[in-house]
Amino acid sequence: MTVDDLEQAPPDAPLGSSGKWRLAEAHDCLQCGGRATVAGVVAVPGRGRFWIDRCTPCMVATTSSCGRPAAPLEEVLAALRDAALEARVPLHVMTEDDRHG
């Protein structure tokens, strides 16, 4: 696959994960061809911005975490809490202390 196989994203599309509106449309996972559940935008120098649509298993398998979240832990937890509230699902965050003591 080359950049020519990717769908052009709007020039003002934020890099990284995109909004839910992109996922309201059916898009294939670039890796396995299944239904995409994660949409992101990447910048290709000299070419612009492009959509990267993946299913969750392929996104997890191809994303490097470098051993830590990209954002501070407090921001990650706040985002998780907000998402759980919006989805109306319970959320329990376990810490290292919960696991060992």
PDB file of N, CA and C in Angstrom:
ATOM      1  N   MET A   1       0.831  -1.168   0.000  1.00  0.00           N
ATOM      2  CA  MET A   1       0.000   0.000   0.000  1.00  0.00           C
ATOM      3  C   MET A   1       0.881   1.239   0.000  1.00  0.00           C
ATOM      4  N   THR A   2       0.459   2.239  -0.754  1.00  0.00           N
ATOM      5  CA  THR A   2       1.180   3.515  -0.804  1.00  0.00           C
ATOM      6  C   THR A   2       0.231   4.636  -0.411  1.00  0.00           C
ATOM      7  N   VAL A   3       0.775   5.826  -0.289  1.00  0.00           N
ATOM      8  CA  VAL A   3      -0.055   6.976   0.052  1.00  0.00           C
ATOM      9  C   VAL A   3      -1.130   7.195  -1.011  1.00  0.00           C
ATOM     10  N   ASP A   4      -0.880   6.772  -2.242  1.00  0.00           N
ATOM     11  CA  ASP A   4      -1.878   6.930  -3.301  1.00  0.00           C
ATOM     12  C   ASP A   4      -3.128   6.089  -3.049  1.00  0.00           C
ATOM     13  N   ASP A   5      -3.021   5.087  -2.179  1.00  0.00           N
ATOM     14  CA  ASP A   5      -4.164   4.240  -1.845  1.00  0.00           C
ATOM     15  C   ASP A   5      -5.025   4.833  -0.731  1.00  0.00           C
ATOM     16  N   LEU A   6      -4.546   5.877  -0.089  1.00  0.00           N
ATOM     17  CA  LEU A   6      -5.254   6.470   1.039  1.00  0.00           C
ATOM     18  C   LEU A   6      -6.201   7.570   0.575  1.00  0.00           C
ATOM     19  N   GLU A   7      -7.276   7.771   1.355  1.00  0.00           N
ATOM     20  CA  GLU A   7      -8.234   8.832   1.063  1.00  0.00           C
ATOM     21  C   GLU A   7      -7.726  10.145   1.651  1.00  0.00           C
ATOM     22  N   GLN A   8      -7.752  11.186   0.844  1.00  0.00           N
ATOM     23  CA  GLN A   8      -7.302  12.508   1.285  1.00  0.00           C
ATOM     24  C   GLN A   8      -8.221  13.010   2.394  1.00  0.00           C
ATOM     25  N   ALA A   9      -7.631  13.540   3.450  1.00  0.00           N
ATOM     26  CA  ALA A   9      -8.386  14.155   4.549  1.00  0.00           C
ATOM     27  C   ALA A   9      -8.401  15.666   4.321  1.00  0.00           C
ATOM     28  N   PRO A  10      -9.355  16.366   4.909  1.00  0.00           N
ATOM     29  CA  PRO A  10      -9.355  17.822   4.783  1.00  0.00           C
ATOM     30  C   PRO A  10      -8.059  18.410   5.336  1.00  0.00           C
ATOM     31  N   PRO A  11      -7.572  19.496   4.762  1.00  0.00           N
ATOM     32  CA  PRO A  11      -6.303  20.078   5.217  1.00  0.00           C
ATOM     33  C   PRO A  11      -6.323  20.540   6.667  1.00  0.00           C
ATOM     34  N   ASP A  12      -7.517  20.815   7.204  1.00  0.00           N
ATOM     35  CA  ASP A  12      -7.604  21.264   8.591  1.00  0.00           C
ATOM     36  C   ASP A  12      -7.972  20.138   9.551  1.00  0.00           C
ATOM     37  N   ALA A  13      -8.017  18.894   9.056  1.00  0.00           N
ATOM     38  CA  ALA A  13      -8.329  17.747   9.928  1.00  0.00           C
ATOM     39  C   ALA A  13      -7.231  17.602  10.966  1.00  0.00           C
ATOM     40  N   PRO A  14      -7.609  17.461  12.255  1.00  0.00           N
ATOM     41  CA  PRO A  14      -6.577  17.329  13.291  1.00  0.00           C
ATOM     42  C   PRO A  14      -5.818  16.017  13.143  1.00  0.00           C
ATOM     43  N   LEU A  15      -4.519  16.068  13.385  1.00  0.00           N
ATOM     44  CA  LEU A  15      -3.701  14.859  13.322  1.00  0.00           C
ATOM     45  C   LEU A  15      -4.066  13.950  14.480  1.00  0.00           C
ATOM     46  N   GLY A  16      -3.878  12.661  14.269  1.00  0.00           N
ATOM     47  CA  GLY A  16      -4.212  11.680  15.297  1.00  0.00           C
ATOM     48  C   GLY A  16      -5.623  11.181  15.113  1.00  0.00           C
ATOM     49  N   SER A  17      -6.291  10.910  16.203  1.00  0.00           N
ATOM     50  CA  SER A  17      -7.659  10.388  16.135  1.00  0.00           C
ATOM     51  C   SER A  17      -8.621  11.449  15.642  1.00  0.00           C
ATOM     52  N   SER A  18      -9.634  11.003  14.916  1.00  0.00           N
ATOM     53  CA  SER A  18     -10.623  11.933  14.387  1.00  0.00           C
ATOM     54  C   SER A  18     -11.915  11.831  15.171  1.00  0.00           C
ATOM     55  N   GLY A  19     -12.877  12.620  14.781  1.00  0.00           N
ATOM     56  CA  GLY A  19     -14.179  12.607  15.425  1.00  0.00           C
ATOM     57  C   GLY A  19     -15.002  11.396  15.044  1.00  0.00           C
ATOM     58  N   LYS A  20     -16.091  11.217  15.800  1.00  0.00           N
ATOM     59  CA  LYS A  20     -16.984  10.085  15.569  1.00  0.00           C
ATOM     60  C   LYS A  20     -17.646  10.148  14.197  1.00  0.00           C
ATOM     61  N   TRP A  21     -17.784  11.336  13.633  1.00  0.00           N
ATOM     62  CA  TRP A  21     -18.487  11.468  12.354  1.00  0.00           C
ATOM     63  C   TRP A  21     -17.838  10.649  11.256  1.00  0.00           C
ATOM     64  N   ARG A  22     -16.533  10.502  11.270  1.00  0.00           N
ATOM     65  CA  ARG A  22     -15.841   9.712  10.244  1.00  0.00           C
ATOM     66  C   ARG A  22     -16.269   8.251  10.335  1.00  0.00           C
ATOM     67  N   LEU A  23     -16.462   7.754  11.554  1.00  0.00           N
ATOM     68  CA  LEU A  23     -16.800   6.344  11.745  1.00  0.00           C
ATOM     69  C   LEU A  23     -18.271   6.056  11.478  1.00  0.00           C
ATOM     70  N   ALA A  24     -19.083   7.105  11.326  1.00  0.00           N
ATOM     71  CA  ALA A  24     -20.486   6.892  10.975  1.00  0.00           C
ATOM     72  C   ALA A  24     -20.604   6.352   9.549  1.00  0.00           C
ATOM     73  N   GLU A  25     -19.581   6.599   8.755  1.00  0.00           N
ATOM     74  CA  GLU A  25     -19.515   6.060   7.396  1.00  0.00           C
ATOM     75  C   GLU A  25     -18.767   4.735   7.444  1.00  0.00           C
ATOM     76  N   ALA A  26     -19.075   3.834   6.538  1.00  0.00           N
ATOM     77  CA  ALA A  26     -18.381   2.536   6.490  1.00  0.00           C
ATOM     78  C   ALA A  26     -17.059   2.690   5.754  1.00  0.00           C
ATOM     79  N   HIS A  27     -15.980   2.316   6.440  1.00  0.00           N
ATOM     80  CA  HIS A  27     -14.646   2.330   5.848  1.00  0.00           C
ATOM     81  C   HIS A  27     -13.953   1.022   6.193  1.00  0.00           C
ATOM     82  N   ASP A  28     -13.138   0.534   5.293  1.00  0.00           N
ATOM     83  CA  ASP A  28     -12.408  -0.715   5.515  1.00  0.00           C
ATOM     84  C   ASP A  28     -11.120  -0.451   6.285  1.00  0.00           C
ATOM     85  N   CYS A  29     -10.737  -1.406   7.119  1.00  0.00           N
ATOM     86  CA  CYS A  29      -9.452  -1.364   7.812  1.00  0.00           C
ATOM     87  C   CYS A  29      -8.349  -1.477   6.765  1.00  0.00           C
ATOM     88  N   LEU A  30      -7.369  -0.598   6.847  1.00  0.00           N
ATOM     89  CA  LEU A  30      -6.263  -0.634   5.888  1.00  0.00           C
ATOM     90  C   LEU A  30      -5.405  -1.876   6.026  1.00  0.00           C
ATOM     91  N   GLN A  31      -5.419  -2.473   7.211  1.00  0.00           N
ATOM     92  CA  GLN A  31      -4.580  -3.637   7.478  1.00  0.00           C
ATOM     93  C   GLN A  31      -5.245  -4.938   7.047  1.00  0.00           C
ATOM     94  N   CYS A  32      -6.460  -5.198   7.579  1.00  0.00           N
ATOM     95  CA  CYS A  32      -7.083  -6.511   7.371  1.00  0.00           C
ATOM     96  C   CYS A  32      -8.300  -6.493   6.455  1.00  0.00           C
ATOM     97  N   GLY A  33      -8.822  -5.305   6.142  1.00  0.00           N
ATOM     98  CA  GLY A  33      -9.979  -5.212   5.259  1.00  0.00           C
ATOM     99  C   GLY A  33     -11.318  -5.293   5.982  1.00  0.00           C
ATOM    100  N   GLY A  34     -11.313  -5.540   7.302  1.00  0.00           N
ATOM    101  CA  GLY A  34     -12.557  -5.581   8.076  1.00  0.00           C
ATOM    102  C   GLY A  34     -13.122  -4.186   8.250  1.00  0.00           C
ATOM    103  N   ARG A  35     -14.195  -4.072   9.006  1.00  0.00           N
ATOM    104  CA  ARG A  35     -14.825  -2.769   9.246  1.00  0.00           C
ATOM    105  C   ARG A  35     -13.936  -1.935  10.169  1.00  0.00           C
ATOM    106  N   ALA A  36     -13.608  -0.719   9.755  1.00  0.00           N
ATOM    107  CA  ALA A  36     -12.790   0.182  10.562  1.00  0.00           C
ATOM    108  C   ALA A  36     -13.593   0.681  11.757  1.00  0.00           C
ATOM    109  N   THR A  37     -12.965   0.685  12.913  1.00  0.00           N
ATOM    110  CA  THR A  37     -13.568   1.206  14.133  1.00  0.00           C
ATOM    111  C   THR A  37     -12.765   2.369  14.709  1.00  0.00           C
ATOM    112  N   VAL A  38     -11.626   2.663  14.100  1.00  0.00           N
ATOM    113  CA  VAL A  38     -10.753   3.750  14.523  1.00  0.00           C
ATOM    114  C   VAL A  38     -10.350   4.529  13.272  1.00  0.00           C
ATOM    115  N   ALA A  39     -10.512   5.837  13.318  1.00  0.00           N
ATOM    116  CA  ALA A  39     -10.116   6.677  12.191  1.00  0.00           C
ATOM    117  C   ALA A  39      -9.100   7.693  12.677  1.00  0.00           C
ATOM    118  N   GLY A  40      -8.059   7.872  11.910  1.00  0.00           N
ATOM    119  CA  GLY A  40      -7.038   8.830  12.270  1.00  0.00           C
ATOM    120  C   GLY A  40      -6.553   9.576  11.052  1.00  0.00           C
ATOM    121  N   VAL A  41      -5.792  10.609  11.294  1.00  0.00           N
ATOM    122  CA  VAL A  41      -5.254  11.440  10.226  1.00  0.00           C
ATOM    123  C   VAL A  41      -3.745  11.491  10.376  1.00  0.00           C
ATOM    124  N   VAL A  42      -3.046  11.306   9.262  1.00  0.00           N
ATOM    125  CA  VAL A  42      -1.591  11.449   9.242  1.00  0.00           C
ATOM    126  C   VAL A  42      -1.218  12.497   8.201  1.00  0.00           C
ATOM    127  N   ALA A  43      -0.120  13.188   8.459  1.00  0.00           N
ATOM    128  CA  ALA A  43       0.398  14.172   7.512  1.00  0.00           C
ATOM    129  C   ALA A  43       1.539  13.545   6.731  1.00  0.00           C
ATOM    130  N   VAL A  44       1.474  13.653   5.422  1.00  0.00           N
ATOM    131  CA  VAL A  44       2.532  13.157   4.554  1.00  0.00           C
ATOM    132  C   VAL A  44       3.200  14.392   3.945  1.00  0.00           C
ATOM    133  N   PRO A  45       4.472  14.641   4.275  1.00  0.00           N
ATOM    134  CA  PRO A  45       5.146  15.835   3.780  1.00  0.00           C
ATOM    135  C   PRO A  45       5.038  15.968   2.255  1.00  0.00           C
ATOM    136  N   GLY A  46       4.625  17.154   1.836  1.00  0.00           N
ATOM    137  CA  GLY A  46       4.510  17.442   0.416  1.00  0.00           C
ATOM    138  C   GLY A  46       3.258  16.877  -0.239  1.00  0.00           C
ATOM    139  N   ARG A  47       2.462  16.116   0.500  1.00  0.00           N
ATOM    140  CA  ARG A  47       1.262  15.489  -0.078  1.00  0.00           C
ATOM    141  C   ARG A  47      -0.022  15.887   0.629  1.00  0.00           C
ATOM    142  N   GLY A  48       0.051  16.281   1.898  1.00  0.00           N
ATOM    143  CA  GLY A  48      -1.141  16.659   2.630  1.00  0.00           C
ATOM    144  C   GLY A  48      -1.497  15.667   3.717  1.00  0.00           C
ATOM    145  N   ARG A  49      -2.762  15.687   4.102  1.00  0.00           N
ATOM    146  CA  ARG A  49      -3.253  14.826   5.176  1.00  0.00           C
ATOM    147  C   ARG A  49      -4.128  13.716   4.599  1.00  0.00           C
ATOM    148  N   PHE A  50      -4.015  12.540   5.238  1.00  0.00           N
ATOM    149  CA  PHE A  50      -4.728  11.365   4.755  1.00  0.00           C
ATOM    150  C   PHE A  50      -5.366  10.623   5.914  1.00  0.00           C
ATOM    151  N   TRP A  51      -6.488   9.935   5.601  1.00  0.00           N
ATOM    152  CA  TRP A  51      -7.173   9.109   6.587  1.00  0.00           C
ATOM    153  C   TRP A  51      -6.467   7.778   6.753  1.00  0.00           C
ATOM    154  N   ILE A  52      -6.345   7.345   7.991  1.00  0.00           N
ATOM    155  CA  ILE A  52      -5.847   6.016   8.333  1.00  0.00           C
ATOM    156  C   ILE A  52      -6.973   5.331   9.099  1.00  0.00           C
ATOM    157  N   ASP A  53      -7.694   4.452   8.421  1.00  0.00           N
ATOM    158  CA  ASP A  53      -8.827   3.747   9.021  1.00  0.00           C
ATOM    159  C   ASP A  53      -8.390   2.333   9.390  1.00  0.00           C
ATOM    160  N   ARG A  54      -8.607   1.959  10.661  1.00  0.00           N
ATOM    161  CA  ARG A  54      -8.222   0.621  11.126  1.00  0.00           C
ATOM    162  C   ARG A  54      -9.286   0.053  12.048  1.00  0.00           C
ATOM    163  N   CYS A  55      -9.327  -1.271  12.142  1.00  0.00           N
ATOM    164  CA  CYS A  55     -10.156  -1.905  13.162  1.00  0.00           C
ATOM    165  C   CYS A  55      -9.351  -1.837  14.463  1.00  0.00           C
ATOM    166  N   THR A  56     -10.023  -2.033  15.584  1.00  0.00           N
ATOM    167  CA  THR A  56      -9.335  -1.906  16.871  1.00  0.00           C
ATOM    168  C   THR A  56      -8.178  -2.884  17.033  1.00  0.00           C
ATOM    169  N   PRO A  57      -8.345  -4.189  16.699  1.00  0.00           N
ATOM    170  CA  PRO A  57      -7.201  -5.094  16.858  1.00  0.00           C
ATOM    171  C   PRO A  57      -5.983  -4.675  16.019  1.00  0.00           C
ATOM    172  N   CYS A  58      -6.205  -4.207  14.793  1.00  0.00           N
ATOM    173  CA  CYS A  58      -5.077  -3.776  13.955  1.00  0.00           C
ATOM    174  C   CYS A  58      -4.458  -2.486  14.487  1.00  0.00           C
ATOM    175  N   MET A  59      -5.280  -1.582  15.028  1.00  0.00           N
ATOM    176  CA  MET A  59      -4.750  -0.353  15.604  1.00  0.00           C
ATOM    177  C   MET A  59      -3.858  -0.679  16.801  1.00  0.00           C
ATOM    178  N   VAL A  60      -4.328  -1.583  17.666  1.00  0.00           N
ATOM    179  CA  VAL A  60      -3.536  -1.959  18.844  1.00  0.00           C
ATOM    180  C   VAL A  60      -2.241  -2.641  18.413  1.00  0.00           C
ATOM    181  N   ALA A  61      -2.325  -3.493  17.403  1.00  0.00           N
ATOM    182  CA  ALA A  61      -1.151  -4.240  16.952  1.00  0.00           C
ATOM    183  C   ALA A  61      -0.122  -3.357  16.254  1.00  0.00           C
ATOM    184  N   THR A  62      -0.539  -2.202  15.744  1.00  0.00           N
ATOM    185  CA  THR A  62       0.380  -1.373  14.962  1.00  0.00           C
ATOM    186  C   THR A  62       0.706  -0.039  15.612  1.00  0.00           C
ATOM    187  N   THR A  63       0.289   0.160  16.861  1.00  0.00           N
ATOM    188  CA  THR A  63       0.545   1.418  17.552  1.00  0.00           C
ATOM    189  C   THR A  63       1.562   1.189  18.649  1.00  0.00           C
ATOM    190  N   SER A  64       2.625   1.941  18.611  1.00  0.00           N
ATOM    191  CA  SER A  64       3.653   1.847  19.640  1.00  0.00           C
ATOM    192  C   SER A  64       3.305   2.794  20.779  1.00  0.00           C
ATOM    193  N   SER A  65       3.289   2.283  21.973  1.00  0.00           N
ATOM    194  CA  SER A  65       3.012   3.138  23.118  1.00  0.00           C
ATOM    195  C   SER A  65       4.295   3.623  23.786  1.00  0.00           C
ATOM    196  N   CYS A  66       5.418   3.073  23.378  1.00  0.00           N
ATOM    197  CA  CYS A  66       6.711   3.427  23.986  1.00  0.00           C
ATOM    198  C   CYS A  66       6.678   3.247  25.497  1.00  0.00           C
ATOM    199  N   GLY A  67       5.795   2.369  25.975  1.00  0.00           N
ATOM    200  CA  GLY A  67       5.748   2.068  27.388  1.00  0.00           C
ATOM    201  C   GLY A  67       4.982   3.051  28.246  1.00  0.00           C
ATOM    202  N   ARG A  68       4.431   4.103  27.630  1.00  0.00           N
ATOM    203  CA  ARG A  68       3.679   5.079  28.415  1.00  0.00           C
ATOM    204  C   ARG A  68       2.695   5.804  27.500  1.00  0.00           C
ATOM    205  N   PRO A  69       1.635   6.381  28.087  1.00  0.00           N
ATOM    206  CA  PRO A  69       0.697   7.164  27.278  1.00  0.00           C
ATOM    207  C   PRO A  69       1.353   8.426  26.742  1.00  0.00           C
ATOM    208  N   ALA A  70       0.857   8.913  25.625  1.00  0.00           N
ATOM    209  CA  ALA A  70       1.407  10.139  25.040  1.00  0.00           C
ATOM    210  C   ALA A  70       1.048  11.359  25.879  1.00  0.00           C
ATOM    211  N   ALA A  71      -0.064  11.303  26.591  1.00  0.00           N
ATOM    212  CA  ALA A  71      -0.500  12.416  27.432  1.00  0.00           C
ATOM    213  C   ALA A  71      -0.257  12.071  28.906  1.00  0.00           C
ATOM    214  N   PRO A  72      -0.226  13.084  29.760  1.00  0.00           N
ATOM    215  CA  PRO A  72      -0.092  12.799  31.200  1.00  0.00           C
ATOM    216  C   PRO A  72      -1.230  11.897  31.675  1.00  0.00           C
ATOM    217  N   LEU A  73      -0.932  11.053  32.647  1.00  0.00           N
ATOM    218  CA  LEU A  73      -1.897  10.085  33.141  1.00  0.00           C
ATOM    219  C   LEU A  73      -3.213  10.737  33.567  1.00  0.00           C
ATOM    220  N   GLU A  74      -3.141  11.892  34.201  1.00  0.00           N
ATOM    221  CA  GLU A  74      -4.356  12.573  34.654  1.00  0.00           C
ATOM    222  C   GLU A  74      -5.266  12.903  33.464  1.00  0.00           C
ATOM    223  N   GLU A  75      -4.675  13.320  32.336  1.00  0.00           N
ATOM    224  CA  GLU A  75      -5.465  13.639  31.144  1.00  0.00           C
ATOM    225  C   GLU A  75      -6.075  12.376  30.539  1.00  0.00           C
ATOM    226  N   VAL A  76      -5.317  11.301  30.526  1.00  0.00           N
ATOM    227  CA  VAL A  76      -5.821  10.027  29.998  1.00  0.00           C
ATOM    228  C   VAL A  76      -7.002   9.550  30.836  1.00  0.00           C
ATOM    229  N   LEU A  77      -6.859   9.597  32.159  1.00  0.00           N
ATOM    230  CA  LEU A  77      -7.941   9.165  33.039  1.00  0.00           C
ATOM    231  C   LEU A  77      -9.172  10.053  32.895  1.00  0.00           C
ATOM    232  N   ALA A  78      -8.974  11.341  32.748  1.00  0.00           N
ATOM    233  CA  ALA A  78     -10.111  12.255  32.565  1.00  0.00           C
ATOM    234  C   ALA A  78     -10.841  11.938  31.264  1.00  0.00           C
ATOM    235  N   ALA A  79     -10.096  11.653  30.210  1.00  0.00           N
ATOM    236  CA  ALA A  79     -10.721  11.302  28.931  1.00  0.00           C
ATOM    237  C   ALA A  79     -11.494   9.992  29.042  1.00  0.00           C
ATOM    238  N   LEU A  80     -10.935   9.015  29.753  1.00  0.00           N
ATOM    239  CA  LEU A  80     -11.633   7.744  29.956  1.00  0.00           C
ATOM    240  C   LEU A  80     -12.923   7.941  30.758  1.00  0.00           C
ATOM    241  N   ARG A  81     -12.846   8.752  31.807  1.00  0.00           N
ATOM    242  CA  ARG A  81     -14.042   9.016  32.616  1.00  0.00           C
ATOM    243  C   ARG A  81     -15.123   9.701  31.784  1.00  0.00           C
ATOM    244  N   ASP A  82     -14.725  10.689  30.982  1.00  0.00           N
ATOM    245  CA  ASP A  82     -15.686  11.390  30.122  1.00  0.00           C
ATOM    246  C   ASP A  82     -16.331  10.433  29.127  1.00  0.00           C
ATOM    247  N   ALA A  83     -15.526   9.561  28.527  1.00  0.00           N
ATOM    248  CA  ALA A  83     -16.059   8.607  27.560  1.00  0.00           C
ATOM    249  C   ALA A  83     -17.020   7.627  28.223  1.00  0.00           C
ATOM    250  N   ALA A  84     -16.682   7.177  29.417  1.00  0.00           N
ATOM    251  CA  ALA A  84     -17.556   6.245  30.130  1.00  0.00           C
ATOM    252  C   ALA A  84     -18.879   6.923  30.490  1.00  0.00           C
ATOM    253  N   LEU A  85     -18.819   8.173  30.932  1.00  0.00           N
ATOM    254  CA  LEU A  85     -20.049   8.906  31.248  1.00  0.00           C
ATOM    255  C   LEU A  85     -20.909   9.076  30.002  1.00  0.00           C
ATOM    256  N   GLU A  86     -20.284   9.458  28.903  1.00  0.00           N
ATOM    257  CA  GLU A  86     -21.018   9.656  27.651  1.00  0.00           C
ATOM    258  C   GLU A  86     -21.662   8.354  27.175  1.00  0.00           C
ATOM    259  N   ALA A  87     -20.934   7.247  27.316  1.00  0.00           N
ATOM    260  CA  ALA A  87     -21.456   5.943  26.883  1.00  0.00           C
ATOM    261  C   ALA A  87     -22.361   5.304  27.926  1.00  0.00           C
ATOM    262  N   ARG A  88     -22.430   5.914  29.117  1.00  0.00           N
ATOM    263  CA  ARG A  88     -23.244   5.390  30.217  1.00  0.00           C
ATOM    264  C   ARG A  88     -22.833   3.977  30.607  1.00  0.00           C
ATOM    265  N   VAL A  89     -21.526   3.786  30.730  1.00  0.00           N
ATOM    266  CA  VAL A  89     -20.993   2.500  31.170  1.00  0.00           C
ATOM    267  C   VAL A  89     -20.168   2.726  32.435  1.00  0.00           C
ATOM    268  N   PRO A  90     -20.149   1.730  33.331  1.00  0.00           N
ATOM    269  CA  PRO A  90     -19.351   1.881  34.550  1.00  0.00           C
ATOM    270  C   PRO A  90     -17.849   1.825  34.231  1.00  0.00           C
ATOM    271  N   LEU A  91     -17.083   2.541  35.002  1.00  0.00           N
ATOM    272  CA  LEU A  91     -15.635   2.550  34.827  1.00  0.00           C
ATOM    273  C   LEU A  91     -14.987   2.443  36.185  1.00  0.00           C
ATOM    274  N   HIS A  92     -14.063   1.495  36.328  1.00  0.00           N
ATOM    275  CA  HIS A  92     -13.274   1.372  37.543  1.00  0.00           C
ATOM    276  C   HIS A  92     -11.812   1.368  37.132  1.00  0.00           C
ATOM    277  N   VAL A  93     -11.065   2.302  37.634  1.00  0.00           N
ATOM    278  CA  VAL A  93      -9.645   2.394  37.325  1.00  0.00           C
ATOM    279  C   VAL A  93      -8.866   1.726  38.447  1.00  0.00           C
ATOM    280  N   MET A  94      -8.051   0.739  38.071  1.00  0.00           N
ATOM    281  CA  MET A  94      -7.223   0.048  39.056  1.00  0.00           C
ATOM    282  C   MET A  94      -5.811   0.623  39.017  1.00  0.00           C
ATOM    283  N   THR A  95      -5.266   0.845  40.183  1.00  0.00           N
ATOM    284  CA  THR A  95      -3.886   1.321  40.281  1.00  0.00           C
ATOM    285  C   THR A  95      -2.973   0.162  40.659  1.00  0.00           C
ATOM    286  N   GLU A  96      -1.712   0.417  40.667  1.00  0.00           N
ATOM    287  CA  GLU A  96      -0.756  -0.611  41.107  1.00  0.00           C
ATOM    288  C   GLU A  96      -1.064  -1.038  42.531  1.00  0.00           C
ATOM    289  N   ASP A  97      -1.474  -0.082  43.387  1.00  0.00           N
ATOM    290  CA  ASP A  97      -1.817  -0.407  44.777  1.00  0.00           C
ATOM    291  C   ASP A  97      -2.979  -1.394  44.830  1.00  0.00           C
ATOM    292  N   ASP A  98      -3.977  -1.229  43.946  1.00  0.00           N
ATOM    293  CA  ASP A  98      -5.121  -2.138  43.901  1.00  0.00           C
ATOM    294  C   ASP A  98      -4.683  -3.545  43.517  1.00  0.00           C
ATOM    295  N   ARG A  99      -3.712  -3.642  42.633  1.00  0.00           N
ATOM    296  CA  ARG A  99      -3.259  -4.959  42.158  1.00  0.00           C
ATOM    297  C   ARG A  99      -2.442  -5.703  43.192  1.00  0.00           C
ATOM    298  N   HIS A 100      -1.701  -4.957  44.010  1.00  0.00           N
ATOM    299  CA  HIS A 100      -0.749  -5.609  44.922  1.00  0.00           C
ATOM    300  C   HIS A 100      -1.124  -5.491  46.403  1.00  0.00           C
ATOM    301  N   GLY A 101      -2.256  -4.942  46.687  1.00  0.00           N
ATOM    302  CA  GLY A 101      -2.440  -4.792  48.091  1.00  0.00           C
ATOM    303  C   GLY A 101      -3.763  -4.703  48.633  1.00  0.00           C
TER     304      GLY A 101
END
